[in-house]
Amino acid sequence: MKTAVVCSGGLDSVSLAHVMAQQGNLSRILSFDYGQRHRKELDFARRAADRLQVPFHLIDMRSVGAALTGSALTDDIDVPDGHYAEDTMRVTVVPNRNAIMLTIAFGIAAAQGDDAVATAVHGGDHFIYPDCRPDFTLAFAKMQRAALSGYANVALHVPFVQQKKSDIVVAGARAGTPFAETWSCYKGGEVHCGRCGTCVERREAFHLAGVEDPTDYADPDFWRSATRGGGQG
């Protein structure tokens, strides 16, 4: 099944690309530049495509992203420290981001003859991001069947939607994902900050998965105080 993977360059989506490649299903990697302040992640997405020897499509959405104001990921707003399960993290929502990206991805997949589009949304995203939840993915898949009816049959593949990030680490490790070649931090510095929601979640996921974390964090121990139970599990 020829599958296009929507890939930000982060741990989840790069792991998904490696899982699809291991299964012999990866057809291409699609990434989106929407003016995100941490756009260095796109370099890691391109490296994944080169490593897995598939075409890389970088879609320029900067003009669209400029209109999606009010997010700490696109505007001059401080990215908050702490766990995703905190209301302060709602400032990182980019409205309709996944819906927009997936719509474009389905168009490309249909044009290129792919059978599916895969995205790495997972259970840890549900609290903050409405377009990462199971209800959204089911509705979107139904909408695309109608949108492409009679032209193409492209499925939406969301293997992690009911899983935890630690499950993704385990799956990625089994598929040989080079985790050091992924970028998660929303602050986009020289190294992962270790304090923003995605850094905390990343650090916690490796701990819960029992997999060595190769990431260089500016504050490698902050996650313990930011996670419930001090990161024990």
Foldseek 3Di string as FASTA:
>chain_A
DAEEEEAQQALQRLLVQLLCLVVVHYAEYEYEPQQFLQSVSVVLSVVSCVVSVHYYHYHYNPVVSVVQDQAVRHDVDDQAFFAPLDPSNLSHERPCVVVVVVVVVLVVCLVVVGAEYEYAQADSCVNRYVCSAPVNQVVSQVVVCVVCPPRGHYGYHHPHHHHAVLVSVVSSVVSVRPNQSGDFASNNDPFRACTGRRNLSVLLSCVVNVHDDPGDHPDNLNSLVRDPPRSDD
